[in-house]
PDB file of N, CA and C in Angstrom:
ATOM      1  N   MET A   1      95.451 114.473 133.738  1.00  0.00           N
ATOM      2  CA  MET A   1      95.808 113.568 132.658  1.00  0.00           C
ATOM      3  C   MET A   1      94.543 112.910 132.099  1.00  0.00           C
ATOM      4  N   LYS A   2      94.432 112.831 130.790  1.00  0.00           N
ATOM      5  CA  LYS A   2      93.246 112.250 130.173  1.00  0.00           C
ATOM      6  C   LYS A   2      93.359 110.740 130.098  1.00  0.00           C
ATOM      7  N   THR A   3      92.188 110.104 130.127  1.00  0.00           N
ATOM      8  CA  THR A   3      92.171 108.653 129.947  1.00  0.00           C
ATOM      9  C   THR A   3      92.133 108.346 128.458  1.00  0.00           C
ATOM     10  N   ASP A   4      92.354 107.084 128.120  1.00  0.00           N
ATOM     11  CA  ASP A   4      92.297 106.675 126.715  1.00  0.00           C
ATOM     12  C   ASP A   4      90.920 106.965 126.118  1.00  0.00           C
ATOM     13  N   LYS A   5      89.869 106.734 126.913  1.00  0.00           N
ATOM     14  CA  LYS A   5      88.515 106.999 126.433  1.00  0.00           C
ATOM     15  C   LYS A   5      88.357 108.471 126.074  1.00  0.00           C
ATOM     16  N   GLU A   6      88.845 109.363 126.926  1.00  0.00           N
ATOM     17  CA  GLU A   6      88.744 110.796 126.639  1.00  0.00           C
ATOM     18  C   GLU A   6      89.524 111.158 125.382  1.00  0.00           C
ATOM     19  N   ASN A   7      90.691 110.553 125.203  1.00  0.00           N
ATOM     20  CA  ASN A   7      91.478 110.799 123.998  1.00  0.00           C
ATOM     21  C   ASN A   7      90.729 110.314 122.767  1.00  0.00           C
ATOM     22  N   PHE A   8      90.096 109.146 122.847  1.00  0.00           N
ATOM     23  CA  PHE A   8      89.330 108.621 121.728  1.00  0.00           C
ATOM     24  C   PHE A   8      88.146 109.547 121.436  1.00  0.00           C
ATOM     25  N   PHE A   9      87.464 109.993 122.472  1.00  0.00           N
ATOM     26  CA  PHE A   9      86.355 110.933 122.277  1.00  0.00           C
ATOM     27  C   PHE A   9      86.838 112.187 121.550  1.00  0.00           C
ATOM     28  N   ASP A  10      87.999 112.699 121.950  1.00  0.00           N
ATOM     29  CA  ASP A  10      88.543 113.892 121.281  1.00  0.00           C
ATOM     30  C   ASP A  10      88.799 113.628 119.805  1.00  0.00           C
ATOM     31  N   LEU A  11      89.313 112.449 119.482  1.00  0.00           N
ATOM     32  CA  LEU A  11      89.539 112.087 118.072  1.00  0.00           C
ATOM     33  C   LEU A  11      88.215 112.011 117.322  1.00  0.00           C
ATOM     34  N   VAL A  12      87.211 111.428 117.957  1.00  0.00           N
ATOM     35  CA  VAL A  12      85.873 111.356 117.350  1.00  0.00           C
ATOM     36  C   VAL A  12      85.378 112.768 117.061  1.00  0.00           C
ATOM     37  N   TYR A  13      85.502 113.661 118.030  1.00  0.00           N
ATOM     38  CA  TYR A  13      85.022 115.032 117.855  1.00  0.00           C
ATOM     39  C   TYR A  13      85.751 115.739 116.717  1.00  0.00           C
ATOM     40  N   GLN A  14      87.056 115.470 116.586  1.00  0.00           N
ATOM     41  CA  GLN A  14      87.813 116.085 115.492  1.00  0.00           C
ATOM     42  C   GLN A  14      87.254 115.651 114.138  1.00  0.00           C
ATOM     43  N   VAL A  15      86.912 114.373 114.009  1.00  0.00           N
ATOM     44  CA  VAL A  15      86.360 113.867 112.752  1.00  0.00           C
ATOM     45  C   VAL A  15      84.964 114.432 112.514  1.00  0.00           C
ATOM     46  N   VAL A  16      84.130 114.424 113.538  1.00  0.00           N
ATOM     47  CA  VAL A  16      82.745 114.896 113.391  1.00  0.00           C
ATOM     48  C   VAL A  16      82.713 116.370 112.991  1.00  0.00           C
ATOM     49  N   ARG A  17      83.644 117.145 113.502  1.00  0.00           N
ATOM     50  CA  ARG A  17      83.697 118.569 113.128  1.00  0.00           C
ATOM     51  C   ARG A  17      83.955 118.763 111.633  1.00  0.00           C
ATOM     52  N   LEU A  18      84.478 117.746 110.966  1.00  0.00           N
ATOM     53  CA  LEU A  18      84.797 117.839 109.540  1.00  0.00           C
ATOM     54  C   LEU A  18      83.646 117.423 108.622  1.00  0.00           C
ATOM     55  N   ILE A  19      82.592 116.841 109.184  1.00  0.00           N
ATOM     56  CA  ILE A  19      81.453 116.441 108.359  1.00  0.00           C
ATOM     57  C   ILE A  19      80.792 117.705 107.823  1.00  0.00           C
ATOM     58  N   PRO A  20      80.705 117.845 106.508  1.00  0.00           N
ATOM     59  CA  PRO A  20      80.127 119.076 105.935  1.00  0.00           C
ATOM     60  C   PRO A  20      78.623 119.189 106.201  1.00  0.00           C
ATOM     61  N   LYS A  21      78.141 120.413 106.234  1.00  0.00           N
ATOM     62  CA  LYS A  21      76.701 120.640 106.329  1.00  0.00           C
ATOM     63  C   LYS A  21      76.024 119.947 105.155  1.00  0.00           C
ATOM     64  N   GLY A  22      74.868 119.364 105.420  1.00  0.00           N
ATOM     65  CA  GLY A  22      74.136 118.679 104.367  1.00  0.00           C
ATOM     66  C   GLY A  22      74.583 117.249 104.136  1.00  0.00           C
ATOM     67  N   ARG A  23      75.515 116.769 104.950  1.00  0.00           N
ATOM     68  CA  ARG A  23      76.016 115.394 104.839  1.00  0.00           C
ATOM     69  C   ARG A  23      75.898 114.726 106.206  1.00  0.00           C
ATOM     70  N   VAL A  24      75.933 113.409 106.217  1.00  0.00           N
ATOM     71  CA  VAL A  24      75.912 112.638 107.463  1.00  0.00           C
ATOM     72  C   VAL A  24      76.973 111.546 107.387  1.00  0.00           C
ATOM     73  N   SER A  25      77.410 111.108 108.544  1.00  0.00           N
ATOM     74  CA  SER A  25      78.307 109.958 108.636  1.00  0.00           C
ATOM     75  C   SER A  25      77.689 108.982 109.629  1.00  0.00           C
ATOM     76  N   SER A  26      78.336 107.861 109.807  1.00  0.00           N
ATOM     77  CA  SER A  26      77.805 106.862 110.734  1.00  0.00           C
ATOM     78  C   SER A  26      78.812 106.584 111.849  1.00  0.00           C
ATOM     79  N   TYR A  27      78.291 106.039 112.933  1.00  0.00           N
ATOM     80  CA  TYR A  27      79.141 105.683 114.067  1.00  0.00           C
ATOM     81  C   TYR A  27      80.242 104.730 113.606  1.00  0.00           C
ATOM     82  N   GLY A  28      79.857 103.719 112.829  1.00  0.00           N
ATOM     83  CA  GLY A  28      80.809 102.715 112.372  1.00  0.00           C
ATOM     84  C   GLY A  28      81.859 103.273 111.435  1.00  0.00           C
ATOM     85  N   ALA A  29      81.463 104.167 110.529  1.00  0.00           N
ATOM     86  CA  ALA A  29      82.433 104.751 109.591  1.00  0.00           C
ATOM     87  C   ALA A  29      83.473 105.574 110.328  1.00  0.00           C
ATOM     88  N   ILE A  30      83.041 106.284 111.357  1.00  0.00           N
ATOM     89  CA  ILE A  30      83.977 107.090 112.146  1.00  0.00           C
ATOM     90  C   ILE A  30      84.910 106.176 112.937  1.00  0.00           C
ATOM     91  N   ALA A  31      84.355 105.137 113.553  1.00  0.00           N
ATOM     92  CA  ALA A  31      85.171 104.184 114.306  1.00  0.00           C
ATOM     93  C   ALA A  31      86.196 103.519 113.388  1.00  0.00           C
ATOM     94  N   ASN A  32      85.746 103.102 112.209  1.00  0.00           N
ATOM     95  CA  ASN A  32      86.644 102.460 111.250  1.00  0.00           C
ATOM     96  C   ASN A  32      87.787 103.401 110.858  1.00  0.00           C
ATOM     97  N   TYR A  33      87.457 104.647 110.604  1.00  0.00           N
ATOM     98  CA  TYR A  33      88.479 105.630 110.237  1.00  0.00           C
ATOM     99  C   TYR A  33      89.524 105.788 111.334  1.00  0.00           C
ATOM    100  N   LEU A  34      89.074 105.705 112.573  1.00  0.00           N
ATOM    101  CA  LEU A  34      89.976 105.873 113.715  1.00  0.00           C
ATOM    102  C   LEU A  34      90.685 104.574 114.101  1.00  0.00           C
ATOM    103  N   GLY A  35      90.500 103.515 113.290  1.00  0.00           N
ATOM    104  CA  GLY A  35      91.186 102.253 113.550  1.00  0.00           C
ATOM    105  C   GLY A  35      90.541 101.392 114.604  1.00  0.00           C
ATOM    106  N   ALA A  36      89.282 101.657 114.900  1.00  0.00           N
ATOM    107  CA  ALA A  36      88.549 100.885 115.911  1.00  0.00           C
ATOM    108  C   ALA A  36      87.312 100.277 115.254  1.00  0.00           C
ATOM    109  N   LYS A  37      87.533  99.286 114.389  1.00  0.00           N
ATOM    110  CA  LYS A  37      86.443  98.723 113.579  1.00  0.00           C
ATOM    111  C   LYS A  37      85.223  98.329 114.404  1.00  0.00           C
ATOM    112  N   SER A  38      85.433  97.830 115.603  1.00  0.00           N
ATOM    113  CA  SER A  38      84.295  97.429 116.436  1.00  0.00           C
ATOM    114  C   SER A  38      83.945  98.509 117.456  1.00  0.00           C
ATOM    115  N   GLY A  39      84.327  99.742 117.168  1.00  0.00           N
ATOM    116  CA  GLY A  39      84.127 100.831 118.122  1.00  0.00           C
ATOM    117  C   GLY A  39      82.922 101.717 117.869  1.00  0.00           C
ATOM    118  N   ALA A  40      81.967 101.267 117.046  1.00  0.00           N
ATOM    119  CA  ALA A  40      80.798 102.095 116.743  1.00  0.00           C
ATOM    120  C   ALA A  40      80.051 102.504 118.011  1.00  0.00           C
ATOM    121  N   ARG A  41      79.914 101.595 118.938  1.00  0.00           N
ATOM    122  CA  ARG A  41      79.201 101.899 120.187  1.00  0.00           C
ATOM    123  C   ARG A  41      79.939 102.986 120.964  1.00  0.00           C
ATOM    124  N   THR A  42      81.264 102.926 120.980  1.00  0.00           N
ATOM    125  CA  THR A  42      82.039 103.944 121.690  1.00  0.00           C
ATOM    126  C   THR A  42      81.891 105.303 121.011  1.00  0.00           C
ATOM    127  N   VAL A  43      81.820 105.317 119.680  1.00  0.00           N
ATOM    128  CA  VAL A  43      81.555 106.576 118.975  1.00  0.00           C
ATOM    129  C   VAL A  43      80.188 107.097 119.400  1.00  0.00           C
ATOM    130  N   GLY A  44      79.215 106.206 119.556  1.00  0.00           N
ATOM    131  CA  GLY A  44      77.894 106.609 120.049  1.00  0.00           C
ATOM    132  C   GLY A  44      77.976 107.229 121.429  1.00  0.00           C
ATOM    133  N   TYR A  45      78.775 106.645 122.298  1.00  0.00           N
ATOM    134  CA  TYR A  45      78.957 107.219 123.635  1.00  0.00           C
ATOM    135  C   TYR A  45      79.571 108.613 123.538  1.00  0.00           C
ATOM    136  N   ALA A  46      80.523 108.767 122.628  1.00  0.00           N
ATOM    137  CA  ALA A  46      81.141 110.086 122.440  1.00  0.00           C
ATOM    138  C   ALA A  46      80.100 111.095 121.960  1.00  0.00           C
ATOM    139  N   MET A  47      79.223 110.668 121.047  1.00  0.00           N
ATOM    140  CA  MET A  47      78.187 111.581 120.553  1.00  0.00           C
ATOM    141  C   MET A  47      77.219 111.954 121.674  1.00  0.00           C
ATOM    142  N   ASN A  48      76.875 110.999 122.519  1.00  0.00           N
ATOM    143  CA  ASN A  48      75.989 111.292 123.651  1.00  0.00           C
ATOM    144  C   ASN A  48      76.621 112.319 124.579  1.00  0.00           C
ATOM    145  N   ALA A  49      77.937 112.249 124.742  1.00  0.00           N
ATOM    146  CA  ALA A  49      78.642 113.187 125.618  1.00  0.00           C
ATOM    147  C   ALA A  49      78.899 114.527 124.937  1.00  0.00           C
ATOM    148  N   ALA A  50      78.682 114.610 123.629  1.00  0.00           N
ATOM    149  CA  ALA A  50      79.014 115.825 122.865  1.00  0.00           C
ATOM    150  C   ALA A  50      77.924 116.884 122.898  1.00  0.00           C
ATOM    151  N   HIS A  51      76.781 116.570 123.447  1.00  0.00           N
ATOM    152  CA  HIS A  51      75.660 117.509 123.376  1.00  0.00           C
ATOM    153  C   HIS A  51      75.881 118.782 124.177  1.00  0.00           C
ATOM    154  N   THR A  52      76.904 118.792 125.008  1.00  0.00           N
ATOM    155  CA  THR A  52      77.245 120.023 125.723  1.00  0.00           C
ATOM    156  C   THR A  52      78.310 120.819 124.980  1.00  0.00           C
ATOM    157  N   LEU A  53      78.799 120.276 123.867  1.00  0.00           N
ATOM    158  CA  LEU A  53      79.848 120.937 123.093  1.00  0.00           C
ATOM    159  C   LEU A  53      79.218 121.593 121.860  1.00  0.00           C
ATOM    160  N   ASP A  54      79.228 122.898 121.821  1.00  0.00           N
ATOM    161  CA  ASP A  54      78.588 123.625 120.722  1.00  0.00           C
ATOM    162  C   ASP A  54      79.276 123.434 119.382  1.00  0.00           C
ATOM    163  N   ASP A  55      80.548 123.068 119.397  1.00  0.00           N
ATOM    164  CA  ASP A  55      81.294 122.977 118.135  1.00  0.00           C
ATOM    165  C   ASP A  55      81.365 121.560 117.556  1.00  0.00           C
ATOM    166  N   VAL A  56      80.589 120.632 118.101  1.00  0.00           N
ATOM    167  CA  VAL A  56      80.562 119.260 117.588  1.00  0.00           C
ATOM    168  C   VAL A  56      79.164 118.993 117.017  1.00  0.00           C
ATOM    169  N   PRO A  57      79.036 118.881 115.694  1.00  0.00           N
ATOM    170  CA  PRO A  57      77.722 118.673 115.078  1.00  0.00           C
ATOM    171  C   PRO A  57      77.256 117.218 115.189  1.00  0.00           C
ATOM    172  N   ALA A  58      76.922 116.814 116.411  1.00  0.00           N
ATOM    173  CA  ALA A  58      76.525 115.423 116.679  1.00  0.00           C
ATOM    174  C   ALA A  58      75.297 115.007 115.872  1.00  0.00           C
ATOM    175  N   HIS A  59      74.488 115.969 115.455  1.00  0.00           N
ATOM    176  CA  HIS A  59      73.290 115.643 114.681  1.00  0.00           C
ATOM    177  C   HIS A  59      73.630 115.023 113.332  1.00  0.00           C
ATOM    178  N   ARG A  60      74.857 115.158 112.868  1.00  0.00           N
ATOM    179  CA  ARG A  60      75.279 114.623 111.564  1.00  0.00           C
ATOM    180  C   ARG A  60      75.763 113.180 111.646  1.00  0.00           C
ATOM    181  N   VAL A  61      75.651 112.547 112.805  1.00  0.00           N
ATOM    182  CA  VAL A  61      76.084 111.158 112.963  1.00  0.00           C
ATOM    183  C   VAL A  61      74.854 110.289 113.205  1.00  0.00           C
ATOM    184  N   VAL A  62      74.668 109.320 112.307  1.00  0.00           N
ATOM    185  CA  VAL A  62      73.504 108.432 112.343  1.00  0.00           C
ATOM    186  C   VAL A  62      73.997 106.984 112.326  1.00  0.00           C
ATOM    187  N   ASN A  63      73.062 106.028 112.361  1.00  0.00           N
ATOM    188  CA  ASN A  63      73.524 104.645 112.309  1.00  0.00           C
ATOM    189  C   ASN A  63      73.798 104.225 110.866  1.00  0.00           C
ATOM    190  N   SER A  64      74.231 103.001 110.680  1.00  0.00           N
ATOM    191  CA  SER A  64      74.690 102.537 109.364  1.00  0.00           C
ATOM    192  C   SER A  64      73.578 102.437 108.329  1.00  0.00           C
ATOM    193  N   LYS A  65      72.334 102.540 108.758  1.00  0.00           N
ATOM    194  CA  LYS A  65      71.201 102.519 107.829  1.00  0.00           C
ATOM    195  C   LYS A  65      70.603 103.912 107.634  1.00  0.00           C
ATOM    196  N   GLY A  66      71.234 104.919 108.268  1.00  0.00           N
ATOM    197  CA  GLY A  66      70.732 106.284 108.154  1.00  0.00           C
ATOM    198  C   GLY A  66      69.644 106.628 109.146  1.00  0.00           C
ATOM    199  N   LEU A  67      69.438 105.789 110.138  1.00  0.00           N
ATOM    200  CA  LEU A  67      68.417 106.059 111.151  1.00  0.00           C
ATOM    201  C   LEU A  67      68.930 107.033 112.203  1.00  0.00           C
ATOM    202  N   LEU A  68      68.044 107.890 112.673  1.00  0.00           N
ATOM    203  CA  LEU A  68      68.391 108.890 113.691  1.00  0.00           C
ATOM    204  C   LEU A  68      68.333 108.257 115.080  1.00  0.00           C
ATOM    205  N   THR A  69      69.183 107.273 115.310  1.00  0.00           N
ATOM    206  CA  THR A  69      69.150 106.545 116.577  1.00  0.00           C
ATOM    207  C   THR A  69      69.604 107.388 117.760  1.00  0.00           C
ATOM    208  N   GLY A  70      70.304 108.485 117.523  1.00  0.00           N
ATOM    209  CA  GLY A  70      70.776 109.327 118.613  1.00  0.00           C
ATOM    210  C   GLY A  70      69.808 110.426 119.008  1.00  0.00           C
ATOM    211  N   LYS A  71      68.642 110.475 118.376  1.00  0.00           N
ATOM    212  CA  LYS A  71      67.731 111.595 118.596  1.00  0.00           C
ATOM    213  C   LYS A  71      67.260 111.715 120.037  1.00  0.00           C
ATOM    214  N   ALA A  72      67.211 110.614 120.764  1.00  0.00           N
ATOM    215  CA  ALA A  72      66.748 110.655 122.156  1.00  0.00           C
ATOM    216  C   ALA A  72      67.667 111.486 123.041  1.00  0.00           C
ATOM    217  N   HIS A  73      68.891 111.716 122.582  1.00  0.00           N
ATOM    218  CA  HIS A  73      69.857 112.464 123.380  1.00  0.00           C
ATOM    219  C   HIS A  73      69.836 113.964 123.069  1.00  0.00           C
ATOM    220  N   PHE A  74      68.931 114.372 122.197  1.00  0.00           N
ATOM    221  CA  PHE A  74      68.755 115.791 121.898  1.00  0.00           C
ATOM    222  C   PHE A  74      67.564 116.299 122.698  1.00  0.00           C
ATOM    223  N   SER A  75      67.575 117.573 122.987  1.00  0.00           N
ATOM    224  CA  SER A  75      66.471 118.157 123.742  1.00  0.00           C
ATOM    225  C   SER A  75      65.887 119.333 122.968  1.00  0.00           C
ATOM    226  N   PRO A  76      64.676 119.155 122.467  1.00  0.00           N
ATOM    227  CA  PRO A  76      63.854 117.940 122.452  1.00  0.00           C
ATOM    228  C   PRO A  76      64.377 116.962 121.401  1.00  0.00           C
ATOM    229  N   PRO A  77      63.915 115.708 121.425  1.00  0.00           N
ATOM    230  CA  PRO A  77      64.397 114.708 120.467  1.00  0.00           C
ATOM    231  C   PRO A  77      64.226 115.120 118.996  1.00  0.00           C
ATOM    232  N   GLU A  78      63.241 115.939 118.700  1.00  0.00           N
ATOM    233  CA  GLU A  78      62.995 116.382 117.322  1.00  0.00           C
ATOM    234  C   GLU A  78      64.093 117.328 116.816  1.00  0.00           C
ATOM    235  N   LYS A  79      64.925 117.826 117.717  1.00  0.00           N
ATOM    236  CA  LYS A  79      65.971 118.783 117.332  1.00  0.00           C
ATOM    237  C   LYS A  79      66.957 118.181 116.331  1.00  0.00           C
ATOM    238  N   MET A  80      67.264 116.895 116.462  1.00  0.00           N
ATOM    239  CA  MET A  80      68.205 116.258 115.539  1.00  0.00           C
ATOM    240  C   MET A  80      67.660 116.335 114.114  1.00  0.00           C
ATOM    241  N   GLN A  81      66.401 115.953 113.934  1.00  0.00           N
ATOM    242  CA  GLN A  81      65.794 115.987 112.602  1.00  0.00           C
ATOM    243  C   GLN A  81      65.689 117.418 112.083  1.00  0.00           C
ATOM    244  N   ARG A  82      65.219 118.328 112.919  1.00  0.00           N
ATOM    245  CA  ARG A  82      65.068 119.727 112.486  1.00  0.00           C
ATOM    246  C   ARG A  82      66.402 120.328 112.045  1.00  0.00           C
ATOM    247  N   THR A  83      67.466 120.026 112.780  1.00  0.00           N
ATOM    248  CA  THR A  83      68.778 120.575 112.452  1.00  0.00           C
ATOM    249  C   THR A  83      69.294 120.005 111.134  1.00  0.00           C
ATOM    250  N   LEU A  84      69.117 118.707 110.924  1.00  0.00           N
ATOM    251  CA  LEU A  84      69.522 118.098 109.653  1.00  0.00           C
ATOM    252  C   LEU A  84      68.720 118.675 108.488  1.00  0.00           C
ATOM    253  N   GLU A  85      67.418 118.816 108.678  1.00  0.00           N
ATOM    254  CA  GLU A  85      66.572 119.356 107.615  1.00  0.00           C
ATOM    255  C   GLU A  85      66.949 120.795 107.285  1.00  0.00           C
ATOM    256  N   ALA A  86      67.338 121.561 108.290  1.00  0.00           N
ATOM    257  CA  ALA A  86      67.764 122.945 108.057  1.00  0.00           C
ATOM    258  C   ALA A  86      69.036 122.989 107.210  1.00  0.00           C
ATOM    259  N   GLU A  87      69.801 121.890 107.224  1.00  0.00           N
ATOM    260  CA  GLU A  87      71.022 121.795 106.421  1.00  0.00           C
ATOM    261  C   GLU A  87      70.762 121.145 105.062  1.00  0.00           C
ATOM    262  N   GLY A  88      69.495 120.808 104.783  1.00  0.00           N
ATOM    263  CA  GLY A  88      69.144 120.248 103.485  1.00  0.00           C
ATOM    264  C   GLY A  88      69.038 118.734 103.428  1.00  0.00           C
ATOM    265  N   VAL A  89      69.202 118.065 104.554  1.00  0.00           N
ATOM    266  CA  VAL A  89      69.072 116.605 104.588  1.00  0.00           C
ATOM    267  C   VAL A  89      67.596 116.265 104.754  1.00  0.00           C
ATOM    268  N   ILE A  90      67.104 115.390 103.903  1.00  0.00           N
ATOM    269  CA  ILE A  90      65.692 114.997 103.950  1.00  0.00           C
ATOM    270  C   ILE A  90      65.550 113.788 104.866  1.00  0.00           C
ATOM    271  N   ILE A  91      64.599 113.895 105.799  1.00  0.00           N
ATOM    272  CA  ILE A  91      64.342 112.832 106.769  1.00  0.00           C
ATOM    273  C   ILE A  91      62.899 112.372 106.614  1.00  0.00           C
ATOM    274  N   LYS A  92      62.692 111.068 106.600  1.00  0.00           N
ATOM    275  CA  LYS A  92      61.337 110.505 106.571  1.00  0.00           C
ATOM    276  C   LYS A  92      61.312 109.316 107.512  1.00  0.00           C
ATOM    277  N   ASN A  93      60.363 109.321 108.445  1.00  0.00           N
ATOM    278  CA  ASN A  93      60.239 108.245 109.434  1.00  0.00           C
ATOM    279  C   ASN A  93      61.558 107.987 110.171  1.00  0.00           C
ATOM    280  N   ASP A  94      62.183 109.075 110.634  1.00  0.00           N
ATOM    281  CA  ASP A  94      63.434 109.000 111.407  1.00  0.00           C
ATOM    282  C   ASP A  94      64.600 108.396 110.630  1.00  0.00           C
ATOM    283  N   GLN A  95      64.563 108.487 109.293  1.00  0.00           N
ATOM    284  CA  GLN A  95      65.641 107.939 108.485  1.00  0.00           C
ATOM    285  C   GLN A  95      66.034 108.930 107.393  1.00  0.00           C
ATOM    286  N   VAL A  96      67.333 109.008 107.127  1.00  0.00           N
ATOM    287  CA  VAL A  96      67.851 109.885 106.078  1.00  0.00           C
ATOM    288  C   VAL A  96      67.422 109.323 104.721  1.00  0.00           C
ATOM    289  N   VAL A  97      66.772 110.158 103.917  1.00  0.00           N
ATOM    290  CA  VAL A  97      66.387 109.787 102.558  1.00  0.00           C
ATOM    291  C   VAL A  97      67.624 109.939 101.673  1.00  0.00           C
ATOM    292  N   ASN A  98      67.801 109.039 100.736  1.00  0.00           N
ATOM    293  CA  ASN A  98      68.989 109.051  99.862  1.00  0.00           C
ATOM    294  C   ASN A  98      70.275 108.992 100.687  1.00  0.00           C
ATOM    295  N   PHE A  99      70.273 108.102 101.655  1.00  0.00           N
ATOM    296  CA  PHE A  99      71.392 107.991 102.598  1.00  0.00           C
ATOM    297  C   PHE A  99      72.743 107.863 101.891  1.00  0.00           C
ATOM    298  N   GLN A 100      72.847 106.992 100.892  1.00  0.00           N
ATOM    299  CA  GLN A 100      74.138 106.793 100.218  1.00  0.00           C
ATOM    300  C   GLN A 100      74.615 108.059  99.507  1.00  0.00           C
ATOM    301  N   THR A 101      73.672 108.894  99.084  1.00  0.00           N
ATOM    302  CA  THR A 101      74.030 110.134  98.386  1.00  0.00           C
ATOM    303  C   THR A 101      74.628 111.165  99.335  1.00  0.00           C
ATOM    304  N   VAL A 102      74.099 111.256 100.551  1.00  0.00           N
ATOM    305  CA  VAL A 102      74.571 112.266 101.508  1.00  0.00           C
ATOM    306  C   VAL A 102      75.583 111.700 102.513  1.00  0.00           C
ATOM    307  N   PHE A 103      75.850 110.394 102.397  1.00  0.00           N
ATOM    308  CA  PHE A 103      76.789 109.751 103.324  1.00  0.00           C
ATOM    309  C   PHE A 103      78.204 110.268 103.107  1.00  0.00           C
ATOM    310  N   TRP A 104      78.859 110.624 104.200  1.00  0.00           N
ATOM    311  CA  TRP A 104      80.232 111.128 104.196  1.00  0.00           C
ATOM    312  C   TRP A 104      81.097 110.104 104.925  1.00  0.00           C
ATOM    313  N   ASP A 105      81.967 109.440 104.191  1.00  0.00           N
ATOM    314  CA  ASP A 105      82.835 108.414 104.765  1.00  0.00           C
ATOM    315  C   ASP A 105      84.224 109.014 104.992  1.00  0.00           C
ATOM    316  N   PRO A 106      84.623 109.202 106.248  1.00  0.00           N
ATOM    317  CA  PRO A 106      85.924 109.826 106.503  1.00  0.00           C
ATOM    318  C   PRO A 106      87.090 109.039 105.907  1.00  0.00           C
ATOM    319  N   SER A 107      86.959 107.721 105.777  1.00  0.00           N
ATOM    320  CA  SER A 107      88.042 106.925 105.198  1.00  0.00           C
ATOM    321  C   SER A 107      88.266 107.261 103.730  1.00  0.00           C
ATOM    322  N   LYS A 108      87.213 107.747 103.068  1.00  0.00           N
ATOM    323  CA  LYS A 108      87.336 108.127 101.664  1.00  0.00           C
ATOM    324  C   LYS A 108      87.564 109.630 101.495  1.00  0.00           C
ATOM    325  N   GLU A 109      87.039 110.414 102.412  1.00  0.00           N
ATOM    326  CA  GLU A 109      87.072 111.874 102.290  1.00  0.00           C
ATOM    327  C   GLU A 109      88.321 112.515 102.899  1.00  0.00           C
ATOM    328  N   LEU A 110      88.945 111.829 103.837  1.00  0.00           N
ATOM    329  CA  LEU A 110      90.085 112.410 104.555  1.00  0.00           C
ATOM    330  C   LEU A 110      91.335 111.590 104.319  1.00  0.00           C
ATOM    331  N   GLU A 111      92.449 112.255 104.288  1.00  0.00           N
ATOM    332  CA  GLU A 111      93.727 111.558 104.265  1.00  0.00           C
ATOM    333  C   GLU A 111      94.185 111.371 105.689  1.00  0.00           C
ATOM    334  N   TRP A 112      94.655 110.204 106.023  1.00  0.00           N
ATOM    335  CA  TRP A 112      95.058 109.914 107.396  1.00  0.00           C
ATOM    336  C   TRP A 112      96.520 110.046 107.567  1.00  0.00           C
TER     337      TRP A 112
END
C-alpha cells in the first residue's frame, strides 16, 4: 500500500511528464496545480527522487525565479543545464533566460 507522500509524488510525476520540451515549470506552480499551495518543497523532494525514473523530465522543473536549484541532484550537476539547452532553453549563470516566455504553468495549460 502506498503512503500519501508516494501518491503525491506520483501526481507530481504525472504533471512533470506533461511539460513540453523547450519549456520549464516551477516547484510552486506544480504544487499549486495539485492543490498544495505550500507544497513547493515537497515537489522538490519528488524531483530529487525522480532521478532514477527515465520517464520523468526532472530537468524541466526549476525554482520560481528560473534558477536551476535542483542541479546538484544530477550527475554530473551540469547535466541539468546541458539537457535544457539541448531542448532549446537558454541558460545563463544557472538561470533560465526569458523565464516568463518558456514558463509552463500547469494551472493555465491543463484542465483539472
